[in-house]
Amino acid sequence: MKRVPTALVTGANRGIGREIARQLALKGFRVFVGTRRREAGEAVLTEFHKAGLKAEVAELVVTDMASIARSAAWISSECNALDVLVNNAAILEDEGQEILKLTPQMLLTTLETNTLGPLRVTQAFWPLLAKAKPGRIINISSEAGSLSSMESYAPAYSVSKAAVNALTRQFAAAGRRDGIVVNSMCPGWVRTDMGGANAARSVSEGADTAIWLATEASTRLTGRFFSDREEISW
């Protein structure tokens, strides 16, 4: 019997994360819906299960190593391998601020979730991803974190996403040894709680490149940064 592919999406109770989880489930994945609060994940599951989709809640706080370890142990007991990890959970709390007034605490808070979160989660799930051959990791980044085009927008958020891109390069190098491909992607300006109602793109459009990287993209593509399925500059 063919093994059902598995995926974990962090921050999957709303927005782009929820849409990525939904689309992966539509493609036949057993999806672990990563969420800070179980009740938020249960609301997503109700919708997914009504549509006949395979999904379960993984209560996972990316700033809490104990929470991540519990989730990794449970998912490891549920499946033999993890095919896809989508590091989506993130915060944006300094929109409209400028670097000259950015406080160290705001930067530290943002890095704790947006950069150290993916570091912790990826390290915890690496052994399970290595069993998938290939495991795929998609880091949800932003062109705000592109050094080639970065300007003054949300300095803490932008710096945190530049650091996520650096993590992508580091993990991609390690993944060549362990059969894991790792890429960053920018979803664009999307109509979510973070992006706001005036954003240009739907959540479906924002999720598209992540789904492509998780399912169709060549496994020769690793350590790269994508938008709309095209490679973009770091």
C-alpha atoms as a PDB file:
ATOM      1  CA  MET A   1       0.000   0.000   0.000  1.00  0.00           C
ATOM      2  CA  LYS A   2       1.301   3.430  -0.952  1.00  0.00           C
ATOM      3  CA  ARG A   3       2.231   5.613   2.011  1.00  0.00           C
ATOM      4  CA  VAL A   4       0.082   8.709   2.506  1.00  0.00           C
ATOM      5  CA  PRO A   5       2.330  11.791   2.342  1.00  0.00           C
ATOM      6  CA  THR A   6       2.439  13.959   5.454  1.00  0.00           C
ATOM      7  CA  ALA A   7       2.905  17.672   6.074  1.00  0.00           C
ATOM      8  CA  LEU A   8       3.210  20.000   9.043  1.00  0.00           C
ATOM      9  CA  VAL A   9       2.286  23.662   8.601  1.00  0.00           C
ATOM     10  CA  THR A  10       2.984  26.039  11.482  1.00  0.00           C
ATOM     11  CA  GLY A  11       0.628  28.947  12.096  1.00  0.00           C
ATOM     12  CA  ALA A  12      -2.027  27.054  10.138  1.00  0.00           C
ATOM     13  CA  ASN A  13      -5.178  28.179  11.914  1.00  0.00           C
ATOM     14  CA  ARG A  14      -5.632  31.221   9.665  1.00  0.00           C
ATOM     15  CA  GLY A  15      -4.414  33.114   6.613  1.00  0.00           C
ATOM     16  CA  ILE A  16      -1.767  31.724   4.294  1.00  0.00           C
ATOM     17  CA  GLY A  17      -0.896  28.866   6.642  1.00  0.00           C
ATOM     18  CA  ARG A  18      -4.474  27.664   6.721  1.00  0.00           C
ATOM     19  CA  GLU A  19      -4.718  27.846   2.929  1.00  0.00           C
ATOM     20  CA  ILE A  20      -1.456  25.946   2.464  1.00  0.00           C
ATOM     21  CA  ALA A  21      -2.734  23.259   4.844  1.00  0.00           C
ATOM     22  CA  ARG A  22      -6.051  23.079   2.977  1.00  0.00           C
ATOM     23  CA  GLN A  23      -4.453  22.799  -0.447  1.00  0.00           C
ATOM     24  CA  LEU A  24      -2.005  20.133   0.696  1.00  0.00           C
ATOM     25  CA  ALA A  25      -4.901  18.157   2.186  1.00  0.00           C
ATOM     26  CA  LEU A  26      -6.754  18.478  -1.131  1.00  0.00           C
ATOM     27  CA  LYS A  27      -3.709  16.914  -2.785  1.00  0.00           C
ATOM     28  CA  GLY A  28      -3.987  13.880  -0.516  1.00  0.00           C
ATOM     29  CA  PHE A  29      -1.617  14.832   2.287  1.00  0.00           C
ATOM     30  CA  ARG A  30      -2.279  13.985   5.888  1.00  0.00           C
ATOM     31  CA  VAL A  31      -1.798  17.468   7.286  1.00  0.00           C
ATOM     32  CA  PHE A  32      -0.808  18.411  10.811  1.00  0.00           C
ATOM     33  CA  VAL A  33      -2.298  21.836  11.482  1.00  0.00           C
ATOM     34  CA  GLY A  34       0.216  23.595  13.694  1.00  0.00           C
ATOM     35  CA  THR A  35      -1.387  26.131  15.999  1.00  0.00           C
ATOM     36  CA  ARG A  36      -0.671  27.834  19.321  1.00  0.00           C
ATOM     37  CA  ARG A  37      -4.107  26.981  20.739  1.00  0.00           C
ATOM     38  CA  ARG A  38      -5.827  23.643  20.207  1.00  0.00           C
ATOM     39  CA  GLU A  39      -9.292  25.207  20.006  1.00  0.00           C
ATOM     40  CA  ALA A  40      -8.197  27.347  17.049  1.00  0.00           C
ATOM     41  CA  GLY A  41      -6.944  24.237  15.289  1.00  0.00           C
ATOM     42  CA  GLU A  42     -10.127  22.328  16.059  1.00  0.00           C
ATOM     43  CA  ALA A  43     -12.159  24.991  14.243  1.00  0.00           C
ATOM     44  CA  VAL A  44     -10.011  24.432  11.140  1.00  0.00           C
ATOM     45  CA  LEU A  45     -10.398  20.656  11.447  1.00  0.00           C
ATOM     46  CA  THR A  46     -14.176  20.916  11.527  1.00  0.00           C
ATOM     47  CA  GLU A  47     -14.102  22.644   8.138  1.00  0.00           C
ATOM     48  CA  PHE A  48     -11.506  20.278   6.686  1.00  0.00           C
ATOM     49  CA  HIS A  49     -13.233  17.120   7.860  1.00  0.00           C
ATOM     50  CA  LYS A  50     -16.536  18.257   6.374  1.00  0.00           C
ATOM     51  CA  ALA A  51     -14.707  18.434   3.037  1.00  0.00           C
ATOM     52  CA  GLY A  52     -13.309  14.928   3.542  1.00  0.00           C
ATOM     53  CA  LEU A  53      -9.747  16.125   4.127  1.00  0.00           C
ATOM     54  CA  LYS A  54      -7.187  14.348   6.324  1.00  0.00           C
ATOM     55  CA  ALA A  55      -5.956  16.714   9.016  1.00  0.00           C
ATOM     56  CA  GLU A  56      -5.081  16.741  12.696  1.00  0.00           C
ATOM     57  CA  VAL A  57      -4.162  19.443  15.181  1.00  0.00           C
ATOM     58  CA  ALA A  58      -0.557  19.759  16.295  1.00  0.00           C
ATOM     59  CA  GLU A  59      -0.509  22.136  19.264  1.00  0.00           C
ATOM     60  CA  LEU A  60       2.834  23.815  18.679  1.00  0.00           C
ATOM     61  CA  VAL A  61       4.203  27.117  19.948  1.00  0.00           C
ATOM     62  CA  VAL A  62       7.288  28.035  17.923  1.00  0.00           C
ATOM     63  CA  THR A  63       8.760  30.070  20.799  1.00  0.00           C
ATOM     64  CA  ASP A  64       8.505  27.152  23.250  1.00  0.00           C
ATOM     65  CA  MET A  65      10.999  24.280  22.922  1.00  0.00           C
ATOM     66  CA  ALA A  66       8.977  22.016  25.213  1.00  0.00           C
ATOM     67  CA  SER A  67       5.887  22.497  23.040  1.00  0.00           C
ATOM     68  CA  ILE A  68       7.885  21.760  19.890  1.00  0.00           C
ATOM     69  CA  ALA A  69       9.437  18.647  21.439  1.00  0.00           C
ATOM     70  CA  ARG A  70       6.027  17.303  22.481  1.00  0.00           C
ATOM     71  CA  SER A  71       4.667  17.888  18.996  1.00  0.00           C
ATOM     72  CA  ALA A  72       7.687  16.247  17.353  1.00  0.00           C
ATOM     73  CA  ALA A  73       7.403  13.202  19.609  1.00  0.00           C
ATOM     74  CA  TRP A  74       3.688  12.839  18.904  1.00  0.00           C
ATOM     75  CA  ILE A  75       3.974  13.253  15.123  1.00  0.00           C
ATOM     76  CA  SER A  76       6.898  10.797  15.097  1.00  0.00           C
ATOM     77  CA  SER A  77       4.656   8.265  16.814  1.00  0.00           C
ATOM     78  CA  GLU A  78       1.916   8.875  14.236  1.00  0.00           C
ATOM     79  CA  CYS A  79       3.934   8.558  11.016  1.00  0.00           C
ATOM     80  CA  ASN A  80       7.208   7.078   9.817  1.00  0.00           C
ATOM     81  CA  ALA A  81       8.320  10.175   7.896  1.00  0.00           C
ATOM     82  CA  LEU A  82       7.421  13.820   7.380  1.00  0.00           C
ATOM     83  CA  ASP A  83       7.372  14.779   3.706  1.00  0.00           C
ATOM     84  CA  VAL A  84       6.813  18.521   4.036  1.00  0.00           C
ATOM     85  CA  LEU A  85       7.431  21.145   6.705  1.00  0.00           C
ATOM     86  CA  VAL A  86       6.120  24.655   6.087  1.00  0.00           C
ATOM     87  CA  ASN A  87       7.532  27.217   8.509  1.00  0.00           C
ATOM     88  CA  ASN A  88       4.764  29.799   8.256  1.00  0.00           C
ATOM     89  CA  ALA A  89       4.153  31.109  11.801  1.00  0.00           C
ATOM     90  CA  ALA A  90       5.249  34.747  12.050  1.00  0.00           C
ATOM     91  CA  ILE A  91       4.437  38.123  13.560  1.00  0.00           C
ATOM     92  CA  LEU A  92       4.487  41.659  12.163  1.00  0.00           C
ATOM     93  CA  GLU A  93       4.388  44.207  14.973  1.00  0.00           C
ATOM     94  CA  ASP A  94       6.484  47.117  13.708  1.00  0.00           C
ATOM     95  CA  GLU A  95       4.745  48.169  10.513  1.00  0.00           C
ATOM     96  CA  GLY A  96       5.017  51.947  10.169  1.00  0.00           C
ATOM     97  CA  GLN A  97       8.082  52.154  12.418  1.00  0.00           C
ATOM     98  CA  GLU A  98      11.543  53.223  11.312  1.00  0.00           C
ATOM     99  CA  ILE A  99      14.966  51.838  12.094  1.00  0.00           C
ATOM    100  CA  LEU A 100      16.054  54.929  14.065  1.00  0.00           C
ATOM    101  CA  LYS A 101      13.262  54.303  16.562  1.00  0.00           C
ATOM    102  CA  LEU A 102      13.331  50.495  16.564  1.00  0.00           C
ATOM    103  CA  THR A 103      13.825  49.199  20.088  1.00  0.00           C
ATOM    104  CA  PRO A 104      16.069  46.215  20.759  1.00  0.00           C
ATOM    105  CA  GLN A 105      13.120  44.549  22.504  1.00  0.00           C
ATOM    106  CA  MET A 106      10.923  44.796  19.394  1.00  0.00           C
ATOM    107  CA  LEU A 107      13.677  43.266  17.295  1.00  0.00           C
ATOM    108  CA  LEU A 108      14.274  40.484  19.813  1.00  0.00           C
ATOM    109  CA  THR A 109      10.546  39.709  20.053  1.00  0.00           C
ATOM    110  CA  THR A 110      10.237  39.525  16.275  1.00  0.00           C
ATOM    111  CA  LEU A 111      13.343  37.377  15.856  1.00  0.00           C
ATOM    112  CA  GLU A 112      12.120  35.030  18.594  1.00  0.00           C
ATOM    113  CA  THR A 113       9.063  34.065  16.536  1.00  0.00           C
ATOM    114  CA  ASN A 114      10.036  34.717  12.933  1.00  0.00           C
ATOM    115  CA  THR A 115      13.619  33.420  12.922  1.00  0.00           C
ATOM    116  CA  LEU A 116      14.282  31.316  16.001  1.00  0.00           C
ATOM    117  CA  GLY A 117      10.868  29.670  15.543  1.00  0.00           C
ATOM    118  CA  PRO A 118      11.789  28.125  12.162  1.00  0.00           C
ATOM    119  CA  LEU A 119      15.234  27.230  13.539  1.00  0.00           C
ATOM    120  CA  ARG A 120      13.751  25.331  16.480  1.00  0.00           C
ATOM    121  CA  VAL A 121      11.009  23.601  14.486  1.00  0.00           C
ATOM    122  CA  THR A 122      13.326  22.572  11.654  1.00  0.00           C
ATOM    123  CA  GLN A 123      15.899  21.122  14.033  1.00  0.00           C
ATOM    124  CA  ALA A 124      13.235  19.188  15.937  1.00  0.00           C
ATOM    125  CA  PHE A 125      11.644  17.666  12.820  1.00  0.00           C
ATOM    126  CA  TRP A 126      14.837  17.136  10.798  1.00  0.00           C
ATOM    127  CA  PRO A 127      15.188  13.409  11.631  1.00  0.00           C
ATOM    128  CA  LEU A 128      11.603  12.743  10.515  1.00  0.00           C
ATOM    129  CA  LEU A 129      12.085  14.790   7.323  1.00  0.00           C
ATOM    130  CA  ALA A 130      15.274  12.856   6.536  1.00  0.00           C
ATOM    131  CA  LYS A 131      13.225   9.651   6.417  1.00  0.00           C
ATOM    132  CA  ALA A 132      10.998  10.972   3.613  1.00  0.00           C
ATOM    133  CA  LYS A 133      13.721  11.052   0.931  1.00  0.00           C
ATOM    134  CA  PRO A 134      13.211  13.719  -0.093  1.00  0.00           C
ATOM    135  CA  GLY A 135      11.867  15.789   2.754  1.00  0.00           C
ATOM    136  CA  ARG A 136      10.900  19.307   1.722  1.00  0.00           C
ATOM    137  CA  ILE A 137      11.075  22.431   3.860  1.00  0.00           C
ATOM    138  CA  ILE A 138       9.428  25.662   2.761  1.00  0.00           C
ATOM    139  CA  ASN A 139      10.201  28.791   4.762  1.00  0.00           C
ATOM    140  CA  ILE A 140       7.619  31.522   4.292  1.00  0.00           C
ATOM    141  CA  SER A 141       9.737  34.620   3.874  1.00  0.00           C
ATOM    142  CA  SER A 142       9.105  37.989   2.238  1.00  0.00           C
ATOM    143  CA  GLU A 143      10.675  40.295  -0.314  1.00  0.00           C
ATOM    144  CA  ALA A 144      10.873  42.678   2.645  1.00  0.00           C
ATOM    145  CA  GLY A 145      13.778  40.454   3.707  1.00  0.00           C
ATOM    146  CA  SER A 146      15.570  40.626   0.357  1.00  0.00           C
ATOM    147  CA  LEU A 147      18.866  42.463   0.830  1.00  0.00           C
ATOM    148  CA  SER A 148      18.882  43.492  -2.830  1.00  0.00           C
ATOM    149  CA  SER A 149      15.660  45.495  -2.502  1.00  0.00           C
ATOM    150  CA  MET A 150      15.229  46.139   1.246  1.00  0.00           C
ATOM    151  CA  GLU A 151      14.366  49.694   2.219  1.00  0.00           C
ATOM    152  CA  SER A 152      12.681  51.134   5.317  1.00  0.00           C
ATOM    153  CA  TYR A 153       9.578  48.915   5.676  1.00  0.00           C
ATOM    154  CA  ALA A 154       8.987  47.329   9.126  1.00  0.00           C
ATOM    155  CA  PRO A 155      12.650  47.032  10.141  1.00  0.00           C
ATOM    156  CA  ALA A 156      12.292  44.241  12.724  1.00  0.00           C
ATOM    157  CA  TYR A 157      10.125  42.157  10.392  1.00  0.00           C
ATOM    158  CA  SER A 158      12.438  42.777   7.428  1.00  0.00           C
ATOM    159  CA  VAL A 159      15.556  41.843   9.390  1.00  0.00           C
ATOM    160  CA  SER A 160      13.861  38.697  10.714  1.00  0.00           C
ATOM    161  CA  LYS A 161      12.967  37.574   7.195  1.00  0.00           C
ATOM    162  CA  ALA A 162      16.486  38.251   5.927  1.00  0.00           C
ATOM    163  CA  ALA A 163      17.653  35.988   8.740  1.00  0.00           C
ATOM    164  CA  VAL A 164      15.101  33.346   7.692  1.00  0.00           C
ATOM    165  CA  ASN A 165      16.652  33.435   4.223  1.00  0.00           C
ATOM    166  CA  ALA A 166      20.078  32.877   5.778  1.00  0.00           C
ATOM    167  CA  LEU A 167      18.657  29.885   7.675  1.00  0.00           C
ATOM    168  CA  THR A 168      17.348  28.539   4.380  1.00  0.00           C
ATOM    169  CA  ARG A 169      20.845  28.595   2.901  1.00  0.00           C
ATOM    170  CA  GLN A 170      22.340  26.962   5.971  1.00  0.00           C
ATOM    171  CA  PHE A 171      19.734  24.200   6.176  1.00  0.00           C
ATOM    172  CA  ALA A 172      19.893  23.607   2.412  1.00  0.00           C
ATOM    173  CA  ALA A 173      23.610  22.911   2.730  1.00  0.00           C
ATOM    174  CA  ALA A 174      22.955  20.422   5.537  1.00  0.00           C
ATOM    175  CA  GLY A 175      20.084  18.918   3.565  1.00  0.00           C
ATOM    176  CA  ARG A 176      22.315  17.868   0.670  1.00  0.00           C
ATOM    177  CA  ARG A 177      23.777  15.275   3.011  1.00  0.00           C
ATOM    178  CA  ASP A 178      20.456  14.115   4.440  1.00  0.00           C
ATOM    179  CA  GLY A 179      18.205  14.215   1.383  1.00  0.00           C
ATOM    180  CA  ILE A 180      16.209  17.295   2.398  1.00  0.00           C
ATOM    181  CA  VAL A 181      15.500  20.261   0.106  1.00  0.00           C
ATOM    182  CA  VAL A 182      15.015  23.678   1.683  1.00  0.00           C
ATOM    183  CA  ASN A 183      13.723  26.839   0.032  1.00  0.00           C
ATOM    184  CA  SER A 184      12.309  30.255   0.929  1.00  0.00           C
ATOM    185  CA  MET A 185       9.310  31.816  -0.779  1.00  0.00           C
ATOM    186  CA  CYS A 186       7.546  35.172  -0.790  1.00  0.00           C
ATOM    187  CA  PRO A 187       3.729  34.972  -0.949  1.00  0.00           C
ATOM    188  CA  GLY A 188       3.342  38.646  -1.878  1.00  0.00           C
ATOM    189  CA  TRP A 189       0.918  41.123  -0.312  1.00  0.00           C
ATOM    190  CA  VAL A 190      -1.989  38.888   0.699  1.00  0.00           C
ATOM    191  CA  ARG A 191      -5.441  39.625   2.144  1.00  0.00           C
ATOM    192  CA  THR A 192      -4.958  38.183   5.635  1.00  0.00           C
ATOM    193  CA  ASP A 193      -5.076  39.555   9.168  1.00  0.00           C
ATOM    194  CA  MET A 194      -1.416  40.530   8.661  1.00  0.00           C
ATOM    195  CA  GLY A 195      -1.737  41.842   5.102  1.00  0.00           C
ATOM    196  CA  GLY A 196      -5.024  43.665   5.571  1.00  0.00           C
ATOM    197  CA  ALA A 197      -8.189  43.911   3.501  1.00  0.00           C
ATOM    198  CA  ASN A 198      -6.622  46.124   0.819  1.00  0.00           C
ATOM    199  CA  ALA A 199      -3.889  43.654  -0.144  1.00  0.00           C
ATOM    200  CA  ALA A 200      -3.632  42.750  -3.819  1.00  0.00           C
ATOM    201  CA  ARG A 201      -3.643  38.965  -3.556  1.00  0.00           C
ATOM    202  CA  SER A 202      -5.972  36.242  -2.304  1.00  0.00           C
ATOM    203  CA  VAL A 203      -4.754  33.592   0.135  1.00  0.00           C
ATOM    204  CA  SER A 204      -4.927  31.067  -2.698  1.00  0.00           C
ATOM    205  CA  GLU A 205      -2.541  33.159  -4.790  1.00  0.00           C
ATOM    206  CA  GLY A 206      -0.282  33.654  -1.790  1.00  0.00           C
ATOM    207  CA  ALA A 207      -0.129  29.922  -1.103  1.00  0.00           C
ATOM    208  CA  ASP A 208       0.544  28.841  -4.682  1.00  0.00           C
ATOM    209  CA  THR A 209       4.346  28.883  -4.687  1.00  0.00           C
ATOM    210  CA  ALA A 210       4.509  27.032  -1.371  1.00  0.00           C
ATOM    211  CA  ILE A 211       2.261  24.291  -2.752  1.00  0.00           C
ATOM    212  CA  TRP A 212       4.411  24.065  -5.876  1.00  0.00           C
ATOM    213  CA  LEU A 213       7.587  23.749  -3.801  1.00  0.00           C
ATOM    214  CA  ALA A 214       5.941  21.108  -1.627  1.00  0.00           C
ATOM    215  CA  THR A 215       4.660  18.940  -4.461  1.00  0.00           C
ATOM    216  CA  GLU A 216       5.868  19.670  -7.998  1.00  0.00           C
ATOM    217  CA  ALA A 217       9.151  21.561  -7.932  1.00  0.00           C
ATOM    218  CA  SER A 218      12.280  19.622  -8.828  1.00  0.00           C
ATOM    219  CA  THR A 219      14.215  18.353  -5.826  1.00  0.00           C
ATOM    220  CA  ARG A 220      17.315  19.781  -7.514  1.00  0.00           C
ATOM    221  CA  LEU A 221      16.016  23.203  -6.483  1.00  0.00           C
ATOM    222  CA  THR A 222      17.324  23.866  -2.993  1.00  0.00           C
ATOM    223  CA  GLY A 223      18.732  26.821  -1.110  1.00  0.00           C
ATOM    224  CA  ARG A 224      16.789  29.275  -3.282  1.00  0.00           C
ATOM    225  CA  PHE A 225      14.257  32.095  -2.920  1.00  0.00           C
ATOM    226  CA  PHE A 226      11.046  32.054  -4.971  1.00  0.00           C
ATOM    227  CA  SER A 227       8.059  34.245  -5.796  1.00  0.00           C
ATOM    228  CA  ASP A 228       5.324  33.176  -8.224  1.00  0.00           C
ATOM    229  CA  ARG A 229       7.315  29.986  -8.931  1.00  0.00           C
ATOM    230  CA  GLU A 230      10.265  32.033 -10.187  1.00  0.00           C
ATOM    231  CA  GLU A 231      13.611  32.429  -8.452  1.00  0.00           C
ATOM    232  CA  ILE A 232      14.220  35.905  -7.037  1.00  0.00           C
ATOM    233  CA  SER A 233      17.249  37.669  -5.585  1.00  0.00           C
ATOM    234  CA  TRP A 234      18.307  37.272  -1.972  1.00  0.00           C
END
